[in-house]
Amino acid sequence: MSTSAADLSHLIVSDVSVTAKRIGLSMADGRRIEAPLWWYPRLAAASVEQRQNWQILPFGDAVGWKEIDEYISAKALIVGGAAPGATPPKEAAA
């Protein structure tokens, strides 16, 4: 097993923040991982209240928004890449 794979398998989410433009996961080991909110269309389309209604999933390596059926793992943010159907805003595409 490579060092990268070992590091990714031990990611534990301790906190989540969602702003109008970004999603961020704080990890138990002190790391912080962020991505543009447009990567996740359901989360981007959700209300502020819905965005704040998250929970860390049982294994601790992902977060979910049950009401909008969105689930994001820490590994997905590290590996990178938008969800299927995500479209960058005009200012990000330029």
PDB file of N, CA and C in Angstrom:
ATOM      1  N   MET A   1       0.847  -1.177   0.000  1.00  0.00           N
ATOM      2  CA  MET A   1       0.000   0.000   0.000  1.00  0.00           C
ATOM      3  C   MET A   1       0.889   1.236   0.000  1.00  0.00           C
ATOM      4  N   SER A   2       0.554   2.186  -0.830  1.00  0.00           N
ATOM      5  CA  SER A   2       1.352   3.405  -0.904  1.00  0.00           C
ATOM      6  C   SER A   2       1.047   4.310   0.281  1.00  0.00           C
ATOM      7  N   THR A   3       1.954   5.238   0.533  1.00  0.00           N
ATOM      8  CA  THR A   3       1.746   6.198   1.613  1.00  0.00           C
ATOM      9  C   THR A   3       0.492   7.020   1.363  1.00  0.00           C
ATOM     10  N   SER A   4       0.244   7.422   0.113  1.00  0.00           N
ATOM     11  CA  SER A   4      -0.943   8.212  -0.211  1.00  0.00           C
ATOM     12  C   SER A   4      -2.213   7.471   0.150  1.00  0.00           C
ATOM     13  N   ALA A   5      -2.288   6.203  -0.205  1.00  0.00           N
ATOM     14  CA  ALA A   5      -3.479   5.412   0.094  1.00  0.00           C
ATOM     15  C   ALA A   5      -3.669   5.293   1.598  1.00  0.00           C
ATOM     16  N   ALA A   6      -2.580   5.092   2.342  1.00  0.00           N
ATOM     17  CA  ALA A   6      -2.684   4.985   3.796  1.00  0.00           C
ATOM     18  C   ALA A   6      -3.185   6.291   4.386  1.00  0.00           C
ATOM     19  N   ASP A   7      -2.653   7.418   3.912  1.00  0.00           N
ATOM     20  CA  ASP A   7      -3.086   8.714   4.420  1.00  0.00           C
ATOM     21  C   ASP A   7      -4.572   8.939   4.143  1.00  0.00           C
ATOM     22  N   LEU A   8      -5.031   8.616   2.945  1.00  0.00           N
ATOM     23  CA  LEU A   8      -6.431   8.821   2.590  1.00  0.00           C
ATOM     24  C   LEU A   8      -7.360   7.935   3.402  1.00  0.00           C
ATOM     25  N   SER A   9      -6.912   6.762   3.793  1.00  0.00           N
ATOM     26  CA  SER A   9      -7.788   5.846   4.514  1.00  0.00           C
ATOM     27  C   SER A   9      -7.976   6.233   5.979  1.00  0.00           C
ATOM     28  N   HIS A  10      -7.197   7.178   6.471  1.00  0.00           N
ATOM     29  CA  HIS A  10      -7.296   7.562   7.877  1.00  0.00           C
ATOM     30  C   HIS A  10      -7.877   8.963   8.081  1.00  0.00           C
ATOM     31  N   LEU A  11      -8.573   9.482   7.125  1.00  0.00           N
ATOM     32  CA  LEU A  11      -9.159  10.813   7.248  1.00  0.00           C
ATOM     33  C   LEU A  11     -10.415  10.758   8.111  1.00  0.00           C
ATOM     34  N   ILE A  12     -10.447  11.567   9.147  1.00  0.00           N
ATOM     35  CA  ILE A  12     -11.608  11.640  10.029  1.00  0.00           C
ATOM     36  C   ILE A  12     -12.076  13.097  10.074  1.00  0.00           C
ATOM     37  N   VAL A  13     -13.319  13.324   9.686  1.00  0.00           N
ATOM     38  CA  VAL A  13     -13.896  14.668   9.658  1.00  0.00           C
ATOM     39  C   VAL A  13     -14.273  15.091  11.077  1.00  0.00           C
ATOM     40  N   SER A  14     -13.882  16.308  11.463  1.00  0.00           N
ATOM     41  CA  SER A  14     -14.254  16.825  12.779  1.00  0.00           C
ATOM     42  C   SER A  14     -15.226  17.997  12.700  1.00  0.00           C
ATOM     43  N   ASP A  15     -15.248  18.698  11.558  1.00  0.00           N
ATOM     44  CA  ASP A  15     -16.161  19.835  11.411  1.00  0.00           C
ATOM     45  C   ASP A  15     -16.365  20.117   9.924  1.00  0.00           C
ATOM     46  N   VAL A  16     -17.456  20.817   9.633  1.00  0.00           N
ATOM     47  CA  VAL A  16     -17.826  21.141   8.255  1.00  0.00           C
ATOM     48  C   VAL A  16     -18.216  22.609   8.188  1.00  0.00           C
ATOM     49  N   SER A  17     -17.826  23.279   7.118  1.00  0.00           N
ATOM     50  CA  SER A  17     -18.306  24.640   6.878  1.00  0.00           C
ATOM     51  C   SER A  17     -18.736  24.741   5.421  1.00  0.00           C
ATOM     52  N   VAL A  18     -19.830  25.446   5.214  1.00  0.00           N
ATOM     53  CA  VAL A  18     -20.325  25.672   3.858  1.00  0.00           C
ATOM     54  C   VAL A  18     -20.651  27.151   3.738  1.00  0.00           C
ATOM     55  N   THR A  19     -19.989  27.816   2.795  1.00  0.00           N
ATOM     56  CA  THR A  19     -20.283  29.221   2.525  1.00  0.00           C
ATOM     57  C   THR A  19     -21.012  29.305   1.188  1.00  0.00           C
ATOM     58  N   ALA A  20     -21.260  30.506   0.728  1.00  0.00           N
ATOM     59  CA  ALA A  20     -21.934  30.695  -0.554  1.00  0.00           C
ATOM     60  C   ALA A  20     -21.077  30.206  -1.721  1.00  0.00           C
ATOM     61  N   LYS A  21     -19.766  30.045  -1.509  1.00  0.00           N
ATOM     62  CA  LYS A  21     -18.878  29.666  -2.611  1.00  0.00           C
ATOM     63  C   LYS A  21     -18.025  28.430  -2.362  1.00  0.00           C
ATOM     64  N   ARG A  22     -17.900  27.990  -1.104  1.00  0.00           N
ATOM     65  CA  ARG A  22     -16.973  26.893  -0.808  1.00  0.00           C
ATOM     66  C   ARG A  22     -17.540  25.929   0.223  1.00  0.00           C
ATOM     67  N   ILE A  23     -17.058  24.687   0.151  1.00  0.00           N
ATOM     68  CA  ILE A  23     -17.298  23.697   1.196  1.00  0.00           C
ATOM     69  C   ILE A  23     -15.941  23.352   1.785  1.00  0.00           C
ATOM     70  N   GLY A  24     -15.883  23.245   3.102  1.00  0.00           N
ATOM     71  CA  GLY A  24     -14.633  22.904   3.769  1.00  0.00           C
ATOM     72  C   GLY A  24     -14.844  21.833   4.821  1.00  0.00           C
ATOM     73  N   LEU A  25     -13.932  20.881   4.858  1.00  0.00           N
ATOM     74  CA  LEU A  25     -13.946  19.850   5.890  1.00  0.00           C
ATOM     75  C   LEU A  25     -12.707  20.036   6.752  1.00  0.00           C
ATOM     76  N   SER A  26     -12.906  20.145   8.051  1.00  0.00           N
ATOM     77  CA  SER A  26     -11.791  20.154   8.997  1.00  0.00           C
ATOM     78  C   SER A  26     -11.590  18.722   9.453  1.00  0.00           C
ATOM     79  N   MET A  27     -10.338  18.296   9.472  1.00  0.00           N
ATOM     80  CA  MET A  27     -10.020  16.920   9.811  1.00  0.00           C
ATOM     81  C   MET A  27      -9.499  16.834  11.242  1.00  0.00           C
ATOM     82  N   ALA A  28      -9.663  15.675  11.860  1.00  0.00           N
ATOM     83  CA  ALA A  28      -9.241  15.463  13.242  1.00  0.00           C
ATOM     84  C   ALA A  28      -7.740  15.675  13.429  1.00  0.00           C
ATOM     85  N   ASP A  29      -6.948  15.473  12.376  1.00  0.00           N
ATOM     86  CA  ASP A  29      -5.495  15.643  12.489  1.00  0.00           C
ATOM     87  C   ASP A  29      -5.037  17.070  12.204  1.00  0.00           C
ATOM     88  N   GLY A  30      -5.988  18.001  12.038  1.00  0.00           N
ATOM     89  CA  GLY A  30      -5.646  19.405  11.835  1.00  0.00           C
ATOM     90  C   GLY A  30      -5.688  19.875  10.394  1.00  0.00           C
ATOM     91  N   ARG A  31      -5.778  18.959   9.447  1.00  0.00           N
ATOM     92  CA  ARG A  31      -5.872  19.363   8.037  1.00  0.00           C
ATOM     93  C   ARG A  31      -7.222  19.998   7.751  1.00  0.00           C
ATOM     94  N   ARG A  32      -7.256  20.807   6.713  1.00  0.00           N
ATOM     95  CA  ARG A  32      -8.505  21.387   6.220  1.00  0.00           C
ATOM     96  C   ARG A  32      -8.520  21.187   4.711  1.00  0.00           C
ATOM     97  N   ILE A  33      -9.639  20.694   4.209  1.00  0.00           N
ATOM     98  CA  ILE A  33      -9.794  20.417   2.784  1.00  0.00           C
ATOM     99  C   ILE A  33     -10.950  21.271   2.283  1.00  0.00           C
ATOM    100  N   GLU A  34     -10.759  21.990   1.187  1.00  0.00           N
ATOM    101  CA  GLU A  34     -11.817  22.833   0.634  1.00  0.00           C
ATOM    102  C   GLU A  34     -11.993  22.569  -0.852  1.00  0.00           C
ATOM    103  N   ALA A  35     -13.201  22.868  -1.319  1.00  0.00           N
ATOM    104  CA  ALA A  35     -13.523  22.756  -2.745  1.00  0.00           C
ATOM    105  C   ALA A  35     -14.571  23.808  -3.078  1.00  0.00           C
ATOM    106  N   PRO A  36     -14.655  24.188  -4.344  1.00  0.00           N
ATOM    107  CA  PRO A  36     -15.695  25.132  -4.746  1.00  0.00           C
ATOM    108  C   PRO A  36     -17.076  24.495  -4.578  1.00  0.00           C
ATOM    109  N   LEU A  37     -18.030  25.267  -4.129  1.00  0.00           N
ATOM    110  CA  LEU A  37     -19.381  24.752  -3.904  1.00  0.00           C
ATOM    111  C   LEU A  37     -20.031  24.289  -5.202  1.00  0.00           C
ATOM    112  N   TRP A  38     -19.688  24.900  -6.333  1.00  0.00           N
ATOM    113  CA  TRP A  38     -20.322  24.511  -7.598  1.00  0.00           C
ATOM    114  C   TRP A  38     -19.997  23.073  -7.974  1.00  0.00           C
ATOM    115  N   TRP A  39     -18.973  22.462  -7.371  1.00  0.00           N
ATOM    116  CA  TRP A  39     -18.680  21.052  -7.631  1.00  0.00           C
ATOM    117  C   TRP A  39     -19.840  20.144  -7.227  1.00  0.00           C
ATOM    118  N   TYR A  40     -20.685  20.625  -6.332  1.00  0.00           N
ATOM    119  CA  TYR A  40     -21.787  19.819  -5.785  1.00  0.00           C
ATOM    120  C   TYR A  40     -23.113  20.545  -6.022  1.00  0.00           C
ATOM    121  N   PRO A  41     -23.733  20.356  -7.195  1.00  0.00           N
ATOM    122  CA  PRO A  41     -24.927  21.116  -7.578  1.00  0.00           C
ATOM    123  C   PRO A  41     -26.081  21.051  -6.573  1.00  0.00           C
ATOM    124  N   ARG A  42     -26.333  19.892  -5.981  1.00  0.00           N
ATOM    125  CA  ARG A  42     -27.434  19.809  -5.003  1.00  0.00           C
ATOM    126  C   ARG A  42     -27.148  20.674  -3.793  1.00  0.00           C
ATOM    127  N   LEU A  43     -25.917  20.669  -3.339  1.00  0.00           N
ATOM    128  CA  LEU A  43     -25.545  21.486  -2.187  1.00  0.00           C
ATOM    129  C   LEU A  43     -25.574  22.970  -2.556  1.00  0.00           C
ATOM    130  N   ALA A  44     -25.110  23.306  -3.744  1.00  0.00           N
ATOM    131  CA  ALA A  44     -25.125  24.695  -4.204  1.00  0.00           C
ATOM    132  C   ALA A  44     -26.551  25.227  -4.328  1.00  0.00           C
ATOM    133  N   ALA A  45     -27.493  24.369  -4.722  1.00  0.00           N
ATOM    134  CA  ALA A  45     -28.887  24.785  -4.893  1.00  0.00           C
ATOM    135  C   ALA A  45     -29.673  24.793  -3.585  1.00  0.00           C
ATOM    136  N   ALA A  46     -29.114  24.231  -2.535  1.00  0.00           N
ATOM    137  CA  ALA A  46     -29.813  24.136  -1.251  1.00  0.00           C
ATOM    138  C   ALA A  46     -29.884  25.495  -0.564  1.00  0.00           C
ATOM    139  N   SER A  47     -30.841  25.626   0.337  1.00  0.00           N
ATOM    140  CA  SER A  47     -30.953  26.853   1.134  1.00  0.00           C
ATOM    141  C   SER A  47     -29.812  26.894   2.155  1.00  0.00           C
ATOM    142  N   VAL A  48     -29.582  28.060   2.726  1.00  0.00           N
ATOM    143  CA  VAL A  48     -28.554  28.203   3.763  1.00  0.00           C
ATOM    144  C   VAL A  48     -28.850  27.242   4.910  1.00  0.00           C
ATOM    145  N   GLU A  49     -30.113  27.145   5.295  1.00  0.00           N
ATOM    146  CA  GLU A  49     -30.500  26.254   6.392  1.00  0.00           C
ATOM    147  C   GLU A  49     -30.205  24.794   6.044  1.00  0.00           C
ATOM    148  N   GLN A  50     -30.520  24.394   4.820  1.00  0.00           N
ATOM    149  CA  GLN A  50     -30.244  23.019   4.399  1.00  0.00           C
ATOM    150  C   GLN A  50     -28.742  22.740   4.377  1.00  0.00           C
ATOM    151  N   ARG A  51     -27.958  23.701   3.938  1.00  0.00           N
ATOM    152  CA  ARG A  51     -26.500  23.522   3.895  1.00  0.00           C
ATOM    153  C   ARG A  51     -25.915  23.325   5.285  1.00  0.00           C
ATOM    154  N   GLN A  52     -26.535  23.943   6.281  1.00  0.00           N
ATOM    155  CA  GLN A  52     -26.032  23.833   7.651  1.00  0.00           C
ATOM    156  C   GLN A  52     -26.527  22.578   8.362  1.00  0.00           C
ATOM    157  N   ASN A  53     -27.445  21.854   7.749  1.00  0.00           N
ATOM    158  CA  ASN A  53     -28.034  20.656   8.356  1.00  0.00           C
ATOM    159  C   ASN A  53     -27.264  19.405   7.920  1.00  0.00           C
ATOM    160  N   TRP A  54     -25.993  19.343   8.256  1.00  0.00           N
ATOM    161  CA  TRP A  54     -25.124  18.239   7.876  1.00  0.00           C
ATOM    162  C   TRP A  54     -24.887  17.329   9.071  1.00  0.00           C
ATOM    163  N   GLN A  55     -24.393  16.134   8.772  1.00  0.00           N
ATOM    164  CA  GLN A  55     -23.954  15.239   9.842  1.00  0.00           C
ATOM    165  C   GLN A  55     -22.746  14.452   9.358  1.00  0.00           C
ATOM    166  N   ILE A  56     -21.831  14.200  10.278  1.00  0.00           N
ATOM    167  CA  ILE A  56     -20.684  13.358   9.967  1.00  0.00           C
ATOM    168  C   ILE A  56     -21.184  11.919   9.974  1.00  0.00           C
ATOM    169  N   LEU A  57     -20.860  11.182   8.936  1.00  0.00           N
ATOM    170  CA  LEU A  57     -21.346   9.813   8.791  1.00  0.00           C
ATOM    171  C   LEU A  57     -20.611   8.860   9.741  1.00  0.00           C
ATOM    172  N   PRO A  58     -21.189   7.686  10.015  1.00  0.00           N
ATOM    173  CA  PRO A  58     -20.689   6.796  11.074  1.00  0.00           C
ATOM    174  C   PRO A  58     -19.196   6.463  11.056  1.00  0.00           C
ATOM    175  N   PHE A  59     -18.584   6.273   9.903  1.00  0.00           N
ATOM    176  CA  PHE A  59     -17.153   5.956   9.883  1.00  0.00           C
ATOM    177  C   PHE A  59     -16.284   7.201  10.066  1.00  0.00           C
ATOM    178  N   GLY A  60     -16.900   8.390  10.027  1.00  0.00           N
ATOM    179  CA  GLY A  60     -16.174   9.630  10.257  1.00  0.00           C
ATOM    180  C   GLY A  60     -15.424  10.177   9.063  1.00  0.00           C
ATOM    181  N   ASP A  61     -15.482   9.479   7.933  1.00  0.00           N
ATOM    182  CA  ASP A  61     -14.697   9.899   6.769  1.00  0.00           C
ATOM    183  C   ASP A  61     -15.515  10.641   5.720  1.00  0.00           C
ATOM    184  N   ALA A  62     -16.769  10.932   6.039  1.00  0.00           N
ATOM    185  CA  ALA A  62     -17.650  11.602   5.077  1.00  0.00           C
ATOM    186  C   ALA A  62     -18.717  12.385   5.831  1.00  0.00           C
ATOM    187  N   VAL A  63     -19.362  13.263   5.090  1.00  0.00           N
ATOM    188  CA  VAL A  63     -20.433  14.079   5.660  1.00  0.00           C
ATOM    189  C   VAL A  63     -21.652  13.966   4.755  1.00  0.00           C
ATOM    190  N   GLY A  64     -22.833  14.064   5.345  1.00  0.00           N
ATOM    191  CA  GLY A  64     -24.052  13.932   4.563  1.00  0.00           C
ATOM    192  C   GLY A  64     -25.078  14.995   4.897  1.00  0.00           C
ATOM    193  N   TRP A  65     -25.876  15.303   3.897  1.00  0.00           N
ATOM    194  CA  TRP A  65     -27.019  16.197   4.013  1.00  0.00           C
ATOM    195  C   TRP A  65     -28.230  15.375   3.592  1.00  0.00           C
ATOM    196  N   LYS A  66     -28.847  14.706   4.535  1.00  0.00           N
ATOM    197  CA  LYS A  66     -29.918  13.756   4.236  1.00  0.00           C
ATOM    198  C   LYS A  66     -31.072  14.413   3.482  1.00  0.00           C
ATOM    199  N   GLU A  67     -31.458  15.613   3.898  1.00  0.00           N
ATOM    200  CA  GLU A  67     -32.610  16.301   3.296  1.00  0.00           C
ATOM    201  C   GLU A  67     -32.448  16.520   1.795  1.00  0.00           C
ATOM    202  N   ILE A  68     -31.212  16.757   1.345  1.00  0.00           N
ATOM    203  CA  ILE A  68     -30.988  17.008  -0.087  1.00  0.00           C
ATOM    204  C   ILE A  68     -30.280  15.836  -0.777  1.00  0.00           C
ATOM    205  N   ASP A  69     -30.099  14.746  -0.051  1.00  0.00           N
ATOM    206  CA  ASP A  69     -29.496  13.521  -0.593  1.00  0.00           C
ATOM    207  C   ASP A  69     -28.101  13.772  -1.172  1.00  0.00           C
ATOM    208  N   GLU A  70     -27.270  14.459  -0.399  1.00  0.00           N
ATOM    209  CA  GLU A  70     -25.885  14.737  -0.815  1.00  0.00           C
ATOM    210  C   GLU A  70     -24.940  14.148   0.220  1.00  0.00           C
ATOM    211  N   TYR A  71     -23.927  13.436  -0.251  1.00  0.00           N
ATOM    212  CA  TYR A  71     -22.948  12.793   0.624  1.00  0.00           C
ATOM    213  C   TYR A  71     -21.572  12.991   0.002  1.00  0.00           C
ATOM    214  N   ILE A  72     -20.632  13.525   0.791  1.00  0.00           N
ATOM    215  CA  ILE A  72     -19.309  13.853   0.275  1.00  0.00           C
ATOM    216  C   ILE A  72     -18.255  13.271   1.214  1.00  0.00           C
ATOM    217  N   SER A  73     -17.332  12.515   0.654  1.00  0.00           N
ATOM    218  CA  SER A  73     -16.251  11.954   1.469  1.00  0.00           C
ATOM    219  C   SER A  73     -15.041  12.887   1.451  1.00  0.00           C
ATOM    220  N   ALA A  74     -14.249  12.803   2.497  1.00  0.00           N
ATOM    221  CA  ALA A  74     -13.008  13.573   2.549  1.00  0.00           C
ATOM    222  C   ALA A  74     -12.102  13.162   1.392  1.00  0.00           C
ATOM    223  N   LYS A  75     -12.087  11.888   1.083  1.00  0.00           N
ATOM    224  CA  LYS A  75     -11.260  11.393  -0.023  1.00  0.00           C
ATOM    225  C   LYS A  75     -11.667  12.052  -1.340  1.00  0.00           C
ATOM    226  N   ALA A  76     -12.971  12.226  -1.562  1.00  0.00           N
ATOM    227  CA  ALA A  76     -13.445  12.860  -2.796  1.00  0.00           C
ATOM    228  C   ALA A  76     -12.921  14.286  -2.918  1.00  0.00           C
ATOM    229  N   LEU A  77     -12.880  15.015  -1.799  1.00  0.00           N
ATOM    230  CA  LEU A  77     -12.359  16.373  -1.850  1.00  0.00           C
ATOM    231  C   LEU A  77     -10.859  16.382  -2.123  1.00  0.00           C
ATOM    232  N   ILE A  78     -10.125  15.426  -1.564  1.00  0.00           N
ATOM    233  CA  ILE A  78      -8.679  15.370  -1.788  1.00  0.00           C
ATOM    234  C   ILE A  78      -8.361  14.967  -3.225  1.00  0.00           C
ATOM    235  N   VAL A  79      -9.026  13.936  -3.708  1.00  0.00           N
ATOM    236  CA  VAL A  79      -8.788  13.456  -5.070  1.00  0.00           C
ATOM    237  C   VAL A  79      -9.216  14.517  -6.074  1.00  0.00           C
ATOM    238  N   GLY A  80     -10.276  15.241  -5.750  1.00  0.00           N
ATOM    239  CA  GLY A  80     -10.740  16.340  -6.580  1.00  0.00           C
ATOM    240  C   GLY A  80     -11.674  15.900  -7.677  1.00  0.00           C
ATOM    241  N   GLY A  81     -12.359  16.863  -8.207  1.00  0.00           N
ATOM    242  CA  GLY A  81     -13.284  16.595  -9.295  1.00  0.00           C
ATOM    243  C   GLY A  81     -14.712  16.895  -8.910  1.00  0.00           C
ATOM    244  N   ALA A  82     -15.399  17.513  -9.808  1.00  0.00           N
ATOM    245  CA  ALA A  82     -16.779  17.907  -9.579  1.00  0.00           C
ATOM    246  C   ALA A  82     -17.718  16.719  -9.732  1.00  0.00           C
ATOM    247  N   ALA A  83     -18.879  16.823  -9.106  1.00  0.00           N
ATOM    248  CA  ALA A  83     -19.921  15.809  -9.241  1.00  0.00           C
ATOM    249  C   ALA A  83     -20.432  15.802 -10.681  1.00  0.00           C
ATOM    250  N   PRO A  84     -20.965  14.672 -11.133  1.00  0.00           N
ATOM    251  CA  PRO A  84     -21.546  14.629 -12.481  1.00  0.00           C
ATOM    252  C   PRO A  84     -22.610  15.718 -12.644  1.00  0.00           C
ATOM    253  N   GLY A  85     -22.548  16.429 -13.749  1.00  0.00           N
ATOM    254  CA  GLY A  85     -23.517  17.481 -14.022  1.00  0.00           C
ATOM    255  C   GLY A  85     -23.146  18.847 -13.476  1.00  0.00           C
ATOM    256  N   ALA A  86     -22.042  18.937 -12.742  1.00  0.00           N
ATOM    257  CA  ALA A  86     -21.623  20.228 -12.195  1.00  0.00           C
ATOM    258  C   ALA A  86     -21.112  21.120 -13.321  1.00  0.00           C
ATOM    259  N   THR A  87     -21.510  22.380 -13.271  1.00  0.00           N
ATOM    260  CA  THR A  87     -21.099  23.350 -14.280  1.00  0.00           C
ATOM    261  C   THR A  87     -20.439  24.528 -13.583  1.00  0.00           C
ATOM    262  N   PRO A  88     -19.219  24.875 -13.973  1.00  0.00           N
ATOM    263  CA  PRO A  88     -18.568  26.003 -13.311  1.00  0.00           C
ATOM    264  C   PRO A  88     -19.282  27.316 -13.616  1.00  0.00           C
ATOM    265  N   PRO A  89     -19.304  28.214 -12.638  1.00  0.00           N
ATOM    266  CA  PRO A  89     -19.876  29.535 -12.915  1.00  0.00           C
ATOM    267  C   PRO A  89     -19.019  30.251 -13.953  1.00  0.00           C
ATOM    268  N   LYS A  90     -19.575  31.247 -14.594  1.00  0.00           N
ATOM    269  CA  LYS A  90     -18.860  31.954 -15.665  1.00  0.00           C
ATOM    270  C   LYS A  90     -17.511  32.482 -15.212  1.00  0.00           C
ATOM    271  N   GLU A  91     -17.433  33.056 -13.996  1.00  0.00           N
ATOM    272  CA  GLU A  91     -16.161  33.616 -13.533  1.00  0.00           C
ATOM    273  C   GLU A  91     -15.124  32.527 -13.270  1.00  0.00           C
ATOM    274  N   ALA A  92     -15.539  31.295 -12.918  1.00  0.00           N
ATOM    275  CA  ALA A  92     -14.592  30.199 -12.687  1.00  0.00           C
ATOM    276  C   ALA A  92     -14.117  29.600 -14.002  1.00  0.00           C
ATOM    277  N   ALA A  93     -14.941  29.665 -15.025  1.00  0.00           N
ATOM    278  CA  ALA A  93     -14.608  29.068 -16.319  1.00  0.00           C
ATOM    279  C   ALA A  93     -13.658  29.945 -17.128  1.00  0.00           C
ATOM    280  N   ALA A  94     -13.596  31.212 -16.812  1.00  0.00           N
ATOM    281  CA  ALA A  94     -12.774  32.150 -17.586  1.00  0.00           C
ATOM    282  C   ALA A  94     -11.306  31.998 -17.316  1.00  0.00           C
TER     283      ALA A  94
END
